[in-house]
Protein backbone atom coordinates (compact mmCIF):
# COMPACT_ATOMS: atom_id res chain seq x y z
CA MET A 1 -112.94 34.69 -89.64
CA GLY A 2 -113.40 34.31 -93.46
CA SER A 3 -115.65 31.33 -93.39
CA ILE A 4 -118.40 33.35 -91.77
CA PRO A 5 -119.73 36.40 -93.63
CA ALA A 6 -119.72 39.77 -92.05
CA ALA A 7 -122.61 40.70 -89.81
CA ILE A 8 -125.53 42.53 -91.30
CA HIS A 9 -126.75 43.91 -87.98
CA SER A 10 -125.08 46.27 -85.68
CA ASP A 11 -123.47 45.17 -82.40
CA ILE A 12 -126.33 46.85 -80.52
CA GLU A 13 -128.94 45.07 -82.56
CA ILE A 14 -127.27 41.81 -81.96
CA GLU A 15 -126.82 42.41 -78.26
CA GLN A 16 -130.55 43.26 -78.05
CA TRP A 17 -131.60 40.14 -79.88
CA ILE A 18 -129.49 37.95 -77.65
CA LYS A 19 -131.03 39.56 -74.50
CA VAL A 20 -134.67 39.55 -75.60
CA GLU A 21 -134.93 36.52 -77.85
CA VAL A 22 -132.00 34.05 -77.26
CA ILE A 23 -131.57 34.14 -73.53
CA ALA A 24 -135.29 34.54 -72.81
CA HIS A 25 -136.55 31.81 -75.14
CA ARG A 26 -133.77 29.37 -75.88
CA GLU A 27 -131.53 26.94 -74.02
CA VAL A 28 -128.06 28.47 -73.82
CA TRP A 29 -124.89 26.64 -72.79
CA VAL A 30 -121.68 28.49 -72.17
CA ALA A 31 -118.39 26.64 -71.54
CA VAL A 32 -115.88 28.79 -69.48
CA ASP A 33 -112.37 28.35 -68.23
CA THR A 34 -111.25 28.25 -64.66
CA GLU A 35 -111.41 32.02 -64.50
CA ASP A 36 -115.01 32.12 -65.99
CA HIS A 37 -113.87 33.44 -69.43
CA PRO A 38 -116.23 32.17 -72.14
CA LEU A 39 -114.67 29.63 -74.43
CA ALA A 40 -117.72 28.41 -76.37
CA VAL A 41 -121.47 28.89 -76.57
CA MET A 42 -124.18 26.75 -77.86
CA VAL A 43 -127.89 27.59 -78.44
CA LEU A 44 -130.56 25.00 -78.65
CA HIS A 45 -134.19 25.40 -79.56
CA ASP A 46 -136.94 23.15 -80.78
CA GLY A 47 -134.64 20.39 -82.03
CA TRP A 48 -132.12 22.83 -83.67
CA ILE A 49 -128.59 23.77 -82.78
CA ASN A 50 -129.12 27.48 -83.52
CA GLN A 51 -125.71 28.63 -82.63
CA LEU A 52 -122.34 26.78 -81.84
CA TYR A 53 -119.22 28.88 -81.56
CA VAL A 54 -115.92 28.02 -80.06
CA ASP A 55 -113.14 30.50 -79.46
CA PRO A 56 -110.62 29.86 -82.19
CA ALA A 57 -107.84 29.30 -79.53
CA TRP A 58 -109.95 26.39 -78.18
CA THR A 59 -110.80 24.54 -81.33
CA ARG A 60 -109.63 21.02 -82.04
CA LEU A 61 -109.51 20.32 -78.21
CA GLY A 62 -112.91 18.44 -77.98
CA LEU A 63 -114.95 21.31 -76.59
CA GLY A 64 -117.19 21.60 -79.57
CA SER A 65 -117.67 17.74 -79.70
CA ARG A 66 -118.67 17.76 -76.08
CA LEU A 67 -121.33 20.41 -76.82
CA VAL A 68 -122.66 18.55 -79.79
CA GLU A 69 -122.92 15.36 -77.53
CA LEU A 70 -124.78 17.46 -74.98
CA ALA A 71 -127.16 18.79 -77.68
CA LYS A 72 -127.77 15.22 -78.80
CA SER A 73 -128.56 14.16 -75.23
CA ARG A 74 -130.98 17.15 -74.89
CA SER A 75 -132.70 16.43 -78.07
CA PRO A 76 -132.93 12.58 -78.43
CA GLN A 77 -135.60 12.87 -81.04
CA GLY A 78 -132.98 14.41 -83.43
CA LEU A 79 -131.28 17.60 -84.24
CA GLN A 80 -131.05 19.88 -87.18
CA LEU A 81 -128.73 22.85 -87.93
CA TRP A 82 -127.41 24.96 -90.79
CA THR A 83 -124.08 26.39 -91.68
CA PHE A 84 -122.99 29.02 -93.98
CA ALA A 85 -122.02 27.49 -97.32
CA SER A 86 -118.50 29.12 -96.94
CA ASN A 87 -118.07 27.37 -93.51
CA VAL A 88 -116.49 24.16 -94.88
CA GLY A 89 -114.75 23.48 -91.54
CA ALA A 90 -118.14 23.50 -89.64
CA GLN A 91 -119.61 21.28 -92.26
CA ARG A 92 -116.83 18.69 -91.87
CA PHE A 93 -117.08 18.98 -88.12
CA TYR A 94 -120.81 18.15 -88.08
CA GLU A 95 -120.40 15.36 -90.70
CA ARG A 96 -117.92 13.78 -88.32
CA HIS A 97 -120.64 13.83 -85.74
CA GLY A 98 -123.10 12.08 -87.79
CA PHE A 99 -125.07 15.00 -89.46
CA VAL A 100 -125.88 14.63 -93.19
CA LEU A 101 -126.47 17.26 -95.65
CA ALA A 102 -130.36 17.62 -96.19
CA ARG A 103 -130.15 20.44 -98.70
CA ARG A 104 -128.06 23.11 -100.29
CA PRO A 105 -129.73 26.39 -101.27
CA ALA A 106 -129.60 27.43 -104.81
CA ILE A 107 -127.00 30.17 -105.39
CA GLY A 108 -127.93 33.33 -107.15
CA ARG A 109 -131.61 33.44 -106.40
């Protein structure tokens, strides 16, 4: 999708990591439509939004905002997250929801 770099792991490696690590050890929320097709996924762990992805066809309809509000309610002590530097749209989205830039990694190191 341009704003997210290409994966460095194979689909099989990613699937295995999701099964063994994500589903087993993290809080996973999936938004589905009336036919149970996934529209968005959010993964929470230790005060972090580890993953938040919304199907591009469902962006700008409030689904991501509802998931962020859910995350805030699940972690009232505060939340952290990171985005790819190239994902400016995600950065704007999170800023609209009260997140502030804590640091930006040095480029070229």
